[in-house]
């Protein structure tokens, strides 16, 4: 049962019959069940040769099409108009079947070794912005030169920010190491900096 404040006074209680309240611990799991539909849509278009992902390995035995984490999704595909149109269709279809809305204003279309003119036209078709390399994903730069110290500045700043509230001067060396690893675990994409993006690939996120 729940009630609301009306002019400072509690109204009559009413039963909660549908949905979850904001902050409910089941909300992330419900969202994961819904976005599984997007995962299935991507598998369908790949099986029907409507979308071509990026093949990894010597014989391209692993085909990477998308990665999902929480409410963020990265789509990988080769440079082709078929991929762009299919991407757009899949996202719009997912909106219809799930009731969720894709925020195209926050979405970016980024290319590796793709001409700016082609990328701009593709971004217009997708109704999103054109991104550049390196780009920021979950607060971490992707596609930069990891050999330079300036590349890691955002990571160091994030660690310092998270550790600033801890009184870590009384921790042992092992305790500090465990604390540092727990902080890095929240930066789930920091390891992506060790991989260089190949030629002829598009990112949409």
N, C-alpha and C. Protein backbone atom coordinates (compact mmCIF):
# COMPACT_ATOMS: atom_id res chain seq x y z
N UNK A 1 0.84 -1.19 0.00
CA UNK A 1 0.00 0.00 0.00
C UNK A 1 0.88 1.25 0.00
N UNK A 2 0.36 2.32 -0.59
CA UNK A 2 1.09 3.57 -0.65
C UNK A 2 0.10 4.72 -0.56
N UNK A 3 0.62 5.89 -0.20
CA UNK A 3 -0.21 7.09 -0.15
C UNK A 3 0.67 8.28 -0.55
N UNK A 4 0.04 9.38 -0.89
CA UNK A 4 0.76 10.56 -1.33
C UNK A 4 0.37 11.74 -0.46
N UNK A 5 1.26 12.74 -0.41
CA UNK A 5 0.99 13.96 0.34
C UNK A 5 0.24 14.95 -0.56
N UNK A 6 -0.89 15.44 -0.09
CA UNK A 6 -1.67 16.45 -0.80
C UNK A 6 -1.81 17.65 0.12
N UNK A 7 -1.15 18.73 -0.23
CA UNK A 7 -1.16 19.95 0.60
C UNK A 7 -0.68 19.66 2.03
N UNK A 8 0.30 18.79 2.14
CA UNK A 8 0.87 18.48 3.44
C UNK A 8 0.15 17.42 4.22
N UNK A 9 -0.94 16.88 3.70
CA UNK A 9 -1.71 15.86 4.41
C UNK A 9 -1.71 14.57 3.60
N UNK A 10 -1.67 13.44 4.32
CA UNK A 10 -1.67 12.15 3.66
C UNK A 10 -3.05 11.84 3.09
N UNK A 11 -3.08 11.44 1.83
CA UNK A 11 -4.33 11.01 1.22
C UNK A 11 -4.60 9.55 1.56
N UNK A 12 -5.71 9.04 1.10
CA UNK A 12 -6.05 7.65 1.39
C UNK A 12 -5.05 6.71 0.72
N UNK A 13 -4.81 5.59 1.37
CA UNK A 13 -3.89 4.60 0.82
C UNK A 13 -4.52 3.89 -0.37
N UNK A 14 -3.64 3.49 -1.30
CA UNK A 14 -4.10 2.74 -2.46
C UNK A 14 -3.11 1.61 -2.72
N UNK A 15 -3.59 0.51 -3.27
CA UNK A 15 -2.69 -0.64 -3.50
C UNK A 15 -1.80 -0.42 -4.72
N UNK A 16 -0.58 -0.91 -4.63
CA UNK A 16 0.36 -0.87 -5.76
C UNK A 16 0.20 -2.18 -6.51
N UNK A 17 -0.42 -2.11 -7.67
CA UNK A 17 -0.77 -3.33 -8.41
C UNK A 17 0.13 -3.59 -9.61
N UNK A 18 0.72 -2.54 -10.19
CA UNK A 18 1.52 -2.72 -11.39
C UNK A 18 2.81 -1.92 -11.28
N UNK A 19 3.89 -2.49 -11.77
CA UNK A 19 5.16 -1.78 -11.81
C UNK A 19 5.90 -1.81 -10.49
N UNK A 20 7.05 -1.14 -10.47
CA UNK A 20 7.90 -1.06 -9.29
C UNK A 20 8.14 0.40 -8.95
N UNK A 21 8.31 0.66 -7.67
CA UNK A 21 8.60 2.01 -7.24
C UNK A 21 10.05 2.36 -7.55
N UNK A 22 10.32 3.66 -7.67
CA UNK A 22 11.68 4.10 -7.93
C UNK A 22 12.57 3.74 -6.74
N UNK A 23 13.74 3.19 -7.02
CA UNK A 23 14.64 2.77 -5.97
C UNK A 23 14.44 1.34 -5.53
N UNK A 24 13.42 0.67 -6.06
CA UNK A 24 13.20 -0.73 -5.71
C UNK A 24 14.37 -1.57 -6.21
N UNK A 25 14.92 -2.46 -5.37
CA UNK A 25 16.08 -3.26 -5.80
C UNK A 25 15.77 -4.20 -6.95
N UNK A 26 14.49 -4.44 -7.24
CA UNK A 26 14.15 -5.30 -8.36
C UNK A 26 14.14 -4.56 -9.69
N UNK A 27 14.20 -3.23 -9.65
CA UNK A 27 14.12 -2.44 -10.89
C UNK A 27 15.23 -2.80 -11.88
N UNK A 28 16.51 -2.91 -11.47
CA UNK A 28 17.54 -3.28 -12.46
C UNK A 28 17.30 -4.63 -13.10
N UNK A 29 16.79 -5.59 -12.33
CA UNK A 29 16.54 -6.92 -12.90
C UNK A 29 15.40 -6.87 -13.90
N UNK A 30 14.37 -6.06 -13.59
CA UNK A 30 13.27 -5.90 -14.54
C UNK A 30 13.75 -5.27 -15.84
N UNK A 31 14.65 -4.29 -15.71
CA UNK A 31 15.19 -3.64 -16.91
C UNK A 31 16.00 -4.63 -17.73
N UNK A 32 16.78 -5.49 -17.07
CA UNK A 32 17.58 -6.47 -17.80
C UNK A 32 16.70 -7.45 -18.56
N UNK A 33 15.56 -7.81 -17.97
CA UNK A 33 14.63 -8.70 -18.68
C UNK A 33 14.07 -8.04 -19.93
N UNK A 34 13.81 -6.72 -19.84
CA UNK A 34 13.24 -6.01 -20.98
C UNK A 34 14.28 -5.86 -22.10
N UNK A 35 15.50 -5.45 -21.75
CA UNK A 35 16.51 -5.22 -22.80
C UNK A 35 17.01 -6.51 -23.40
N UNK A 36 16.64 -7.64 -22.81
CA UNK A 36 16.97 -8.91 -23.46
C UNK A 36 16.28 -9.01 -24.82
N UNK A 37 15.13 -8.30 -24.95
CA UNK A 37 14.46 -8.26 -26.24
C UNK A 37 15.31 -7.62 -27.32
N UNK A 38 16.08 -6.59 -26.96
CA UNK A 38 16.99 -5.98 -27.93
C UNK A 38 18.07 -6.96 -28.34
N UNK A 39 18.56 -7.72 -27.39
CA UNK A 39 19.58 -8.73 -27.68
C UNK A 39 19.05 -9.74 -28.69
N UNK A 40 17.79 -10.17 -28.51
CA UNK A 40 17.20 -11.14 -29.43
C UNK A 40 16.99 -10.53 -30.82
N UNK A 41 16.59 -9.24 -30.86
CA UNK A 41 16.41 -8.58 -32.16
C UNK A 41 17.73 -8.52 -32.93
N UNK A 42 18.82 -8.23 -32.22
CA UNK A 42 20.12 -8.18 -32.89
C UNK A 42 20.52 -9.55 -33.43
N UNK A 43 20.24 -10.60 -32.68
CA UNK A 43 20.56 -11.94 -33.16
C UNK A 43 19.76 -12.28 -34.42
N UNK A 44 18.50 -11.83 -34.46
CA UNK A 44 17.65 -12.12 -35.63
C UNK A 44 18.20 -11.44 -36.88
N UNK A 45 18.53 -10.14 -36.78
CA UNK A 45 19.01 -9.42 -37.97
C UNK A 45 20.38 -9.93 -38.42
N UNK A 46 21.18 -10.42 -37.48
CA UNK A 46 22.48 -11.00 -37.86
C UNK A 46 22.27 -12.33 -38.58
N UNK A 47 21.36 -13.15 -38.06
CA UNK A 47 21.09 -14.45 -38.70
C UNK A 47 20.52 -14.28 -40.10
N UNK A 48 19.77 -13.20 -40.33
CA UNK A 48 19.17 -12.96 -41.64
C UNK A 48 20.06 -12.11 -42.54
N UNK A 49 21.31 -11.92 -42.11
CA UNK A 49 22.30 -11.16 -42.90
C UNK A 49 21.85 -9.73 -43.19
N UNK A 50 21.12 -9.15 -42.26
CA UNK A 50 20.72 -7.75 -42.36
C UNK A 50 21.70 -6.83 -41.65
N UNK A 51 22.52 -7.40 -40.79
CA UNK A 51 23.50 -6.61 -40.03
C UNK A 51 24.78 -7.40 -39.95
N UNK A 52 25.91 -6.72 -40.19
CA UNK A 52 27.22 -7.36 -40.15
C UNK A 52 28.04 -6.72 -39.03
N UNK A 53 28.36 -7.53 -38.05
CA UNK A 53 29.17 -7.05 -36.94
C UNK A 53 30.64 -7.09 -37.29
N UNK A 54 31.47 -7.02 -36.27
CA UNK A 54 32.92 -7.06 -36.49
C UNK A 54 33.45 -8.42 -36.06
N UNK A 55 34.13 -9.10 -36.98
CA UNK A 55 34.69 -10.41 -36.69
C UNK A 55 36.06 -10.30 -36.05
N UNK A 56 36.25 -11.06 -34.98
CA UNK A 56 37.52 -11.06 -34.27
C UNK A 56 38.15 -12.44 -34.37
N UNK A 57 39.47 -12.45 -34.28
CA UNK A 57 40.19 -13.70 -34.41
C UNK A 57 40.78 -13.84 -35.80
N UNK A 58 41.63 -14.83 -35.98
CA UNK A 58 42.31 -15.01 -37.27
C UNK A 58 41.32 -15.32 -38.38
N UNK A 59 40.31 -16.10 -38.08
CA UNK A 59 39.31 -16.43 -39.10
C UNK A 59 37.96 -15.83 -38.78
N UNK A 60 37.97 -14.77 -37.97
CA UNK A 60 36.73 -14.07 -37.58
C UNK A 60 35.71 -15.03 -37.01
N UNK A 61 36.19 -15.92 -36.13
CA UNK A 61 35.27 -16.90 -35.55
C UNK A 61 34.32 -16.29 -34.52
N UNK A 62 34.71 -15.14 -33.98
CA UNK A 62 33.85 -14.43 -33.02
C UNK A 62 33.36 -13.15 -33.67
N UNK A 63 32.05 -12.99 -33.74
CA UNK A 63 31.46 -11.79 -34.36
C UNK A 63 30.86 -10.93 -33.25
N UNK A 64 31.38 -9.73 -33.12
CA UNK A 64 30.93 -8.80 -32.08
C UNK A 64 29.94 -7.82 -32.70
N UNK A 65 28.73 -7.79 -32.17
CA UNK A 65 27.70 -6.88 -32.68
C UNK A 65 27.28 -5.84 -31.66
N UNK A 66 27.23 -6.21 -30.38
CA UNK A 66 26.78 -5.25 -29.37
C UNK A 66 27.24 -5.70 -27.99
N UNK A 67 27.38 -4.72 -27.12
CA UNK A 67 27.67 -4.95 -25.71
C UNK A 67 26.67 -4.15 -24.90
N UNK A 68 26.15 -4.74 -23.82
CA UNK A 68 25.16 -4.08 -22.98
C UNK A 68 25.64 -4.08 -21.54
N UNK A 69 25.50 -2.92 -20.91
CA UNK A 69 25.78 -2.81 -19.48
C UNK A 69 24.79 -1.83 -18.89
N UNK A 70 23.99 -2.33 -17.94
CA UNK A 70 22.94 -1.51 -17.30
C UNK A 70 22.04 -0.93 -18.39
N UNK A 71 21.93 0.39 -18.45
CA UNK A 71 21.04 1.00 -19.44
C UNK A 71 21.82 1.57 -20.62
N UNK A 72 23.07 1.13 -20.81
CA UNK A 72 23.89 1.58 -21.93
C UNK A 72 24.16 0.43 -22.89
N UNK A 73 24.20 0.74 -24.16
CA UNK A 73 24.45 -0.26 -25.19
C UNK A 73 25.42 0.29 -26.22
N UNK A 74 26.41 -0.50 -26.59
CA UNK A 74 27.32 -0.17 -27.69
C UNK A 74 27.08 -1.17 -28.81
N UNK A 75 26.86 -0.66 -30.02
CA UNK A 75 26.64 -1.50 -31.19
C UNK A 75 27.87 -1.38 -32.11
N UNK A 76 28.41 -2.52 -32.51
CA UNK A 76 29.57 -2.56 -33.40
C UNK A 76 29.12 -3.08 -34.76
N UNK A 77 29.56 -2.43 -35.82
CA UNK A 77 29.22 -2.91 -37.14
C UNK A 77 30.16 -2.37 -38.20
N UNK A 78 30.20 -3.06 -39.32
CA UNK A 78 31.02 -2.60 -40.43
C UNK A 78 30.38 -1.39 -41.09
N UNK A 79 31.21 -0.64 -41.81
CA UNK A 79 30.73 0.54 -42.51
C UNK A 79 29.89 0.12 -43.71
N UNK A 80 28.57 0.31 -43.60
CA UNK A 80 27.67 0.02 -44.71
C UNK A 80 26.33 0.68 -44.42
N UNK A 81 25.64 1.08 -45.47
CA UNK A 81 24.33 1.70 -45.31
C UNK A 81 23.31 0.69 -44.82
N UNK A 82 23.49 -0.58 -45.17
CA UNK A 82 22.57 -1.60 -44.68
C UNK A 82 22.64 -1.70 -43.17
N UNK A 83 23.87 -1.64 -42.62
CA UNK A 83 24.02 -1.68 -41.18
C UNK A 83 23.36 -0.48 -40.51
N UNK A 84 23.52 0.70 -41.09
CA UNK A 84 22.95 1.91 -40.50
C UNK A 84 21.43 1.83 -40.49
N UNK A 85 20.84 1.46 -41.62
CA UNK A 85 19.38 1.38 -41.70
C UNK A 85 18.83 0.29 -40.80
N UNK A 86 19.53 -0.84 -40.72
CA UNK A 86 19.08 -1.93 -39.85
C UNK A 86 19.16 -1.52 -38.39
N UNK A 87 20.25 -0.81 -38.03
CA UNK A 87 20.38 -0.33 -36.66
C UNK A 87 19.22 0.56 -36.27
N UNK A 88 18.90 1.48 -37.15
CA UNK A 88 17.80 2.41 -36.90
C UNK A 88 16.47 1.66 -36.75
N UNK A 89 16.24 0.69 -37.64
CA UNK A 89 14.99 -0.08 -37.60
C UNK A 89 14.89 -0.91 -36.32
N UNK A 90 15.99 -1.51 -35.91
CA UNK A 90 15.98 -2.34 -34.70
C UNK A 90 15.68 -1.49 -33.46
N UNK A 91 16.28 -0.31 -33.38
CA UNK A 91 16.05 0.56 -32.23
C UNK A 91 14.61 1.05 -32.19
N UNK A 92 14.05 1.39 -33.34
CA UNK A 92 12.66 1.85 -33.37
C UNK A 92 11.70 0.71 -33.05
N UNK A 93 12.01 -0.49 -33.54
CA UNK A 93 11.18 -1.65 -33.24
C UNK A 93 11.24 -1.99 -31.75
N UNK A 94 12.44 -1.86 -31.16
CA UNK A 94 12.59 -2.12 -29.73
C UNK A 94 11.76 -1.14 -28.92
N UNK A 95 11.69 0.12 -29.36
CA UNK A 95 10.85 1.10 -28.68
C UNK A 95 9.38 0.67 -28.69
N UNK A 96 8.93 0.16 -29.83
CA UNK A 96 7.52 -0.20 -29.96
C UNK A 96 7.16 -1.41 -29.10
N UNK A 97 8.02 -2.41 -29.09
CA UNK A 97 7.67 -3.65 -28.39
C UNK A 97 7.93 -3.57 -26.89
N UNK A 98 8.83 -2.69 -26.46
CA UNK A 98 9.18 -2.64 -25.03
C UNK A 98 8.52 -1.49 -24.29
N UNK A 99 8.17 -0.43 -25.01
CA UNK A 99 7.64 0.75 -24.33
C UNK A 99 8.71 1.69 -23.84
N UNK A 100 9.98 1.29 -23.95
CA UNK A 100 11.09 2.16 -23.58
C UNK A 100 11.42 3.10 -24.74
N UNK A 101 12.06 4.20 -24.44
CA UNK A 101 12.43 5.17 -25.45
C UNK A 101 13.95 5.27 -25.56
N UNK A 102 14.45 5.18 -26.78
CA UNK A 102 15.88 5.34 -27.04
C UNK A 102 16.16 6.83 -27.16
N UNK A 103 17.09 7.31 -26.37
CA UNK A 103 17.45 8.73 -26.39
C UNK A 103 18.48 8.96 -27.49
N UNK A 104 17.99 9.30 -28.68
CA UNK A 104 18.90 9.52 -29.80
C UNK A 104 19.71 10.80 -29.63
N UNK A 105 19.20 11.73 -28.83
CA UNK A 105 19.95 12.98 -28.60
C UNK A 105 21.24 12.73 -27.83
N UNK A 106 21.24 11.72 -26.98
CA UNK A 106 22.44 11.39 -26.22
C UNK A 106 23.30 10.34 -26.93
N UNK A 107 22.78 9.76 -27.98
CA UNK A 107 23.50 8.70 -28.69
C UNK A 107 24.52 9.30 -29.64
N UNK A 108 25.60 8.56 -29.87
CA UNK A 108 26.68 8.99 -30.76
C UNK A 108 26.99 7.90 -31.77
N UNK A 109 27.28 8.32 -33.00
CA UNK A 109 27.76 7.40 -34.03
C UNK A 109 29.21 7.75 -34.31
N UNK A 110 30.10 6.82 -34.01
CA UNK A 110 31.54 7.06 -34.11
C UNK A 110 32.15 6.06 -35.08
N UNK A 111 33.07 6.50 -35.90
CA UNK A 111 33.71 5.63 -36.86
C UNK A 111 35.22 5.59 -36.69
N UNK A 112 35.80 4.47 -37.05
CA UNK A 112 37.25 4.31 -37.04
C UNK A 112 37.69 4.17 -38.49
N UNK A 113 38.55 5.09 -38.95
CA UNK A 113 39.00 5.13 -40.34
C UNK A 113 37.81 5.25 -41.30
N UNK A 114 36.84 6.07 -40.92
CA UNK A 114 35.66 6.35 -41.74
C UNK A 114 35.66 7.84 -42.04
N UNK A 115 35.38 8.20 -43.26
CA UNK A 115 35.40 9.61 -43.64
C UNK A 115 34.34 10.40 -42.88
N UNK A 116 34.64 11.66 -42.60
CA UNK A 116 33.73 12.51 -41.85
C UNK A 116 32.43 12.75 -42.61
N UNK A 117 32.51 12.86 -43.93
CA UNK A 117 31.30 13.11 -44.72
C UNK A 117 30.33 11.93 -44.64
N UNK A 118 30.86 10.72 -44.78
CA UNK A 118 29.99 9.53 -44.69
C UNK A 118 29.42 9.39 -43.29
N UNK A 119 30.25 9.65 -42.29
CA UNK A 119 29.79 9.52 -40.91
C UNK A 119 28.71 10.56 -40.59
N UNK A 120 28.85 11.76 -41.12
CA UNK A 120 27.84 12.79 -40.89
C UNK A 120 26.51 12.42 -41.53
N UNK A 121 26.55 11.86 -42.74
CA UNK A 121 25.32 11.43 -43.40
C UNK A 121 24.67 10.28 -42.63
N UNK A 122 25.49 9.35 -42.16
CA UNK A 122 24.95 8.23 -41.39
C UNK A 122 24.34 8.70 -40.08
N UNK A 123 24.97 9.69 -39.45
CA UNK A 123 24.42 10.23 -38.21
C UNK A 123 23.09 10.93 -38.44
N UNK A 124 22.93 11.55 -39.61
CA UNK A 124 21.64 12.17 -39.94
C UNK A 124 20.56 11.12 -40.11
N UNK A 125 20.91 9.99 -40.73
CA UNK A 125 19.95 8.90 -40.89
C UNK A 125 19.57 8.33 -39.52
N UNK A 126 20.55 8.20 -38.64
CA UNK A 126 20.29 7.67 -37.30
C UNK A 126 19.64 8.70 -36.39
N UNK A 127 19.62 9.95 -36.82
CA UNK A 127 19.05 11.05 -36.02
C UNK A 127 19.79 11.19 -34.69
N UNK A 128 21.12 11.11 -34.77
CA UNK A 128 21.95 11.23 -33.57
C UNK A 128 23.15 12.11 -33.89
N UNK A 129 24.00 12.30 -32.91
CA UNK A 129 25.19 13.12 -33.10
C UNK A 129 26.35 12.28 -33.62
N UNK A 130 27.31 12.95 -34.25
CA UNK A 130 28.51 12.27 -34.73
C UNK A 130 29.58 12.36 -33.67
N UNK A 131 30.13 11.23 -33.30
CA UNK A 131 31.16 11.18 -32.27
C UNK A 131 32.56 11.18 -32.86
N UNK A 132 33.53 11.35 -32.01
CA UNK A 132 34.94 11.35 -32.42
C UNK A 132 35.73 10.41 -31.52
N UNK A 133 36.89 10.04 -31.98
CA UNK A 133 37.83 9.21 -31.22
C UNK A 133 38.91 10.10 -30.63
N UNK A 134 39.23 10.01 -29.34
CA UNK A 134 38.62 9.12 -28.34
C UNK A 134 37.29 9.65 -27.85
N UNK A 135 36.44 8.75 -27.36
CA UNK A 135 35.17 9.14 -26.77
C UNK A 135 35.11 8.64 -25.32
N UNK A 136 34.19 9.19 -24.58
CA UNK A 136 34.08 8.86 -23.16
C UNK A 136 32.92 7.90 -22.95
N UNK A 137 33.19 6.80 -22.30
CA UNK A 137 32.17 5.80 -21.99
C UNK A 137 32.26 5.46 -20.52
N UNK A 138 31.18 5.73 -19.78
CA UNK A 138 31.17 5.56 -18.33
C UNK A 138 32.29 6.35 -17.67
N UNK A 139 32.53 7.54 -18.19
CA UNK A 139 33.53 8.41 -17.60
C UNK A 139 34.96 8.05 -17.92
N UNK A 140 35.15 7.15 -18.88
CA UNK A 140 36.50 6.69 -19.21
C UNK A 140 36.77 6.88 -20.69
N UNK A 141 37.92 7.46 -21.07
CA UNK A 141 38.21 7.67 -22.49
C UNK A 141 38.53 6.37 -23.20
N UNK A 142 37.91 6.16 -24.34
CA UNK A 142 38.12 4.96 -25.15
C UNK A 142 38.76 5.37 -26.47
N UNK A 143 39.85 4.71 -26.84
CA UNK A 143 40.48 4.96 -28.12
C UNK A 143 41.68 5.86 -28.07
N UNK A 144 42.09 6.30 -26.88
CA UNK A 144 43.26 7.15 -26.77
C UNK A 144 44.54 6.34 -26.67
N UNK A 145 45.64 7.06 -26.49
CA UNK A 145 46.95 6.41 -26.38
C UNK A 145 47.21 6.11 -24.91
N UNK A 146 47.11 4.84 -24.54
CA UNK A 146 47.27 4.44 -23.14
C UNK A 146 48.71 4.55 -22.66
N UNK A 147 49.67 4.84 -23.56
CA UNK A 147 51.07 4.97 -23.15
C UNK A 147 51.37 6.36 -22.59
N UNK A 148 50.44 7.30 -22.77
CA UNK A 148 50.64 8.65 -22.27
C UNK A 148 50.00 8.80 -20.90
N UNK A 149 50.69 9.55 -20.04
CA UNK A 149 50.18 9.74 -18.68
C UNK A 149 48.87 10.51 -18.67
N UNK A 150 48.69 11.45 -19.61
CA UNK A 150 47.47 12.25 -19.62
C UNK A 150 46.24 11.39 -19.90
N UNK A 151 46.45 10.23 -20.54
CA UNK A 151 45.32 9.35 -20.83
C UNK A 151 44.69 8.83 -19.55
N UNK A 152 45.51 8.60 -18.52
CA UNK A 152 45.03 8.00 -17.28
C UNK A 152 44.58 9.04 -16.26
N UNK A 153 44.63 10.32 -16.61
CA UNK A 153 44.28 11.37 -15.66
C UNK A 153 42.84 11.22 -15.16
N UNK A 154 41.90 10.94 -16.07
CA UNK A 154 40.50 10.80 -15.66
C UNK A 154 40.31 9.61 -14.74
N UNK A 155 41.08 8.53 -14.97
CA UNK A 155 40.97 7.35 -14.10
C UNK A 155 41.52 7.67 -12.72
N UNK A 156 42.68 8.35 -12.67
CA UNK A 156 43.28 8.71 -11.38
C UNK A 156 42.36 9.66 -10.63
N UNK A 157 41.77 10.63 -11.33
CA UNK A 157 40.85 11.56 -10.68
C UNK A 157 39.64 10.84 -10.11
N UNK A 158 39.14 9.85 -10.85
CA UNK A 158 37.99 9.08 -10.38
C UNK A 158 38.34 8.28 -9.14
N UNK A 159 39.54 7.68 -9.13
CA UNK A 159 39.97 6.90 -7.96
C UNK A 159 40.15 7.81 -6.75
N UNK A 160 40.78 8.97 -6.96
CA UNK A 160 40.99 9.91 -5.86
C UNK A 160 39.65 10.38 -5.31
N UNK A 161 38.69 10.63 -6.19
CA UNK A 161 37.37 11.09 -5.75
C UNK A 161 36.67 10.04 -4.91
N UNK A 162 36.77 8.77 -5.35
CA UNK A 162 36.10 7.71 -4.60
C UNK A 162 36.80 7.40 -3.28
N UNK A 163 38.13 7.58 -3.26
CA UNK A 163 38.87 7.27 -2.04
C UNK A 163 38.94 8.45 -1.07
N UNK A 164 38.49 9.63 -1.50
CA UNK A 164 38.63 10.82 -0.65
C UNK A 164 37.83 10.71 0.63
N UNK A 165 36.72 9.96 0.59
CA UNK A 165 35.89 9.83 1.78
C UNK A 165 36.37 8.73 2.73
N UNK A 166 37.40 8.00 2.33
CA UNK A 166 37.91 6.91 3.16
C UNK A 166 39.11 7.40 3.98
N UNK A 167 39.15 6.97 5.19
CA UNK A 167 40.31 7.26 6.04
C UNK A 167 41.32 6.13 5.87
N UNK A 168 42.01 6.15 4.71
CA UNK A 168 42.83 5.00 4.34
C UNK A 168 44.25 5.06 4.88
N UNK A 169 44.58 6.08 5.64
CA UNK A 169 45.95 6.16 6.14
C UNK A 169 46.23 5.09 7.20
N UNK A 170 45.16 4.54 7.79
CA UNK A 170 45.35 3.52 8.82
C UNK A 170 45.23 2.10 8.26
N UNK A 171 45.06 1.98 6.94
CA UNK A 171 44.97 0.66 6.33
C UNK A 171 46.35 0.10 6.05
N UNK A 172 46.46 -1.21 6.13
CA UNK A 172 47.71 -1.87 5.77
C UNK A 172 47.86 -1.86 4.25
N UNK A 173 49.02 -2.30 3.78
CA UNK A 173 49.26 -2.34 2.34
C UNK A 173 48.26 -3.26 1.66
N UNK A 174 48.00 -4.42 2.26
CA UNK A 174 47.01 -5.35 1.69
C UNK A 174 45.62 -4.76 1.69
N UNK A 175 45.27 -4.03 2.75
CA UNK A 175 43.96 -3.39 2.81
C UNK A 175 43.80 -2.32 1.76
N UNK A 176 44.89 -1.54 1.54
CA UNK A 176 44.83 -0.52 0.49
C UNK A 176 44.68 -1.14 -0.89
N UNK A 177 45.33 -2.28 -1.11
CA UNK A 177 45.24 -2.96 -2.39
C UNK A 177 43.82 -3.47 -2.64
N UNK A 178 43.21 -4.04 -1.60
CA UNK A 178 41.83 -4.51 -1.74
C UNK A 178 40.89 -3.35 -2.00
N UNK A 179 41.10 -2.24 -1.30
CA UNK A 179 40.25 -1.06 -1.49
C UNK A 179 40.40 -0.49 -2.90
N UNK A 180 41.64 -0.47 -3.40
CA UNK A 180 41.88 0.04 -4.75
C UNK A 180 41.21 -0.85 -5.79
N UNK A 181 41.30 -2.17 -5.61
CA UNK A 181 40.67 -3.09 -6.56
C UNK A 181 39.16 -2.94 -6.54
N UNK A 182 38.59 -2.72 -5.37
CA UNK A 182 37.14 -2.55 -5.29
C UNK A 182 36.69 -1.28 -5.99
N UNK A 183 37.52 -0.23 -5.92
CA UNK A 183 37.18 1.01 -6.61
C UNK A 183 37.29 0.82 -8.12
N UNK A 184 38.35 0.13 -8.57
CA UNK A 184 38.52 -0.10 -10.01
C UNK A 184 37.42 -0.98 -10.57
N UNK A 185 36.84 -1.84 -9.72
CA UNK A 185 35.78 -2.71 -10.22
C UNK A 185 34.56 -1.92 -10.65
N UNK A 186 34.40 -0.69 -10.13
CA UNK A 186 33.28 0.14 -10.54
C UNK A 186 33.54 0.77 -11.91
N UNK A 187 34.78 0.83 -12.31
CA UNK A 187 35.11 1.36 -13.63
C UNK A 187 35.22 0.16 -14.57
N UNK A 188 34.07 -0.37 -14.99
CA UNK A 188 34.03 -1.67 -15.65
C UNK A 188 34.63 -1.68 -17.04
N UNK A 189 34.90 -0.51 -17.60
CA UNK A 189 35.42 -0.50 -18.96
C UNK A 189 36.85 0.03 -19.01
N UNK A 190 37.53 0.12 -17.87
CA UNK A 190 38.87 0.69 -17.91
C UNK A 190 39.84 -0.18 -18.70
N UNK A 191 39.55 -1.48 -18.77
CA UNK A 191 40.45 -2.36 -19.50
C UNK A 191 40.32 -2.21 -21.00
N UNK A 192 39.26 -1.53 -21.50
CA UNK A 192 39.10 -1.37 -22.94
C UNK A 192 40.21 -0.52 -23.55
N UNK A 193 40.91 0.23 -22.72
CA UNK A 193 41.97 1.08 -23.25
C UNK A 193 43.14 0.27 -23.77
N UNK A 194 43.22 -1.00 -23.39
CA UNK A 194 44.34 -1.81 -23.83
C UNK A 194 44.12 -2.42 -25.22
N UNK A 195 42.91 -2.20 -25.79
CA UNK A 195 42.60 -2.76 -27.09
C UNK A 195 42.48 -1.65 -28.11
N UNK A 196 43.14 -1.81 -29.22
CA UNK A 196 43.07 -0.82 -30.29
C UNK A 196 41.95 -1.19 -31.26
N UNK A 197 41.14 -0.22 -31.62
CA UNK A 197 40.04 -0.46 -32.55
C UNK A 197 40.59 -0.65 -33.95
N UNK A 198 40.11 -1.66 -34.69
CA UNK A 198 40.62 -1.90 -36.04
C UNK A 198 39.98 -0.96 -37.04
N UNK A 199 40.40 -1.11 -38.29
CA UNK A 199 39.88 -0.25 -39.35
C UNK A 199 38.50 -0.73 -39.78
N UNK A 200 37.70 0.22 -40.28
CA UNK A 200 36.42 -0.10 -40.87
C UNK A 200 35.37 -0.56 -39.89
N UNK A 201 35.23 0.09 -38.76
CA UNK A 201 34.24 -0.32 -37.77
C UNK A 201 33.52 0.93 -37.27
N UNK A 202 32.24 0.78 -36.99
CA UNK A 202 31.42 1.85 -36.46
C UNK A 202 30.96 1.52 -35.06
N UNK A 203 30.89 2.55 -34.21
CA UNK A 203 30.37 2.39 -32.87
C UNK A 203 29.10 3.23 -32.76
N UNK A 204 28.06 2.69 -32.18
CA UNK A 204 26.87 3.47 -31.85
C UNK A 204 26.54 3.21 -30.40
N UNK A 205 26.48 4.27 -29.61
CA UNK A 205 26.22 4.09 -28.18
C UNK A 205 25.45 5.29 -27.67
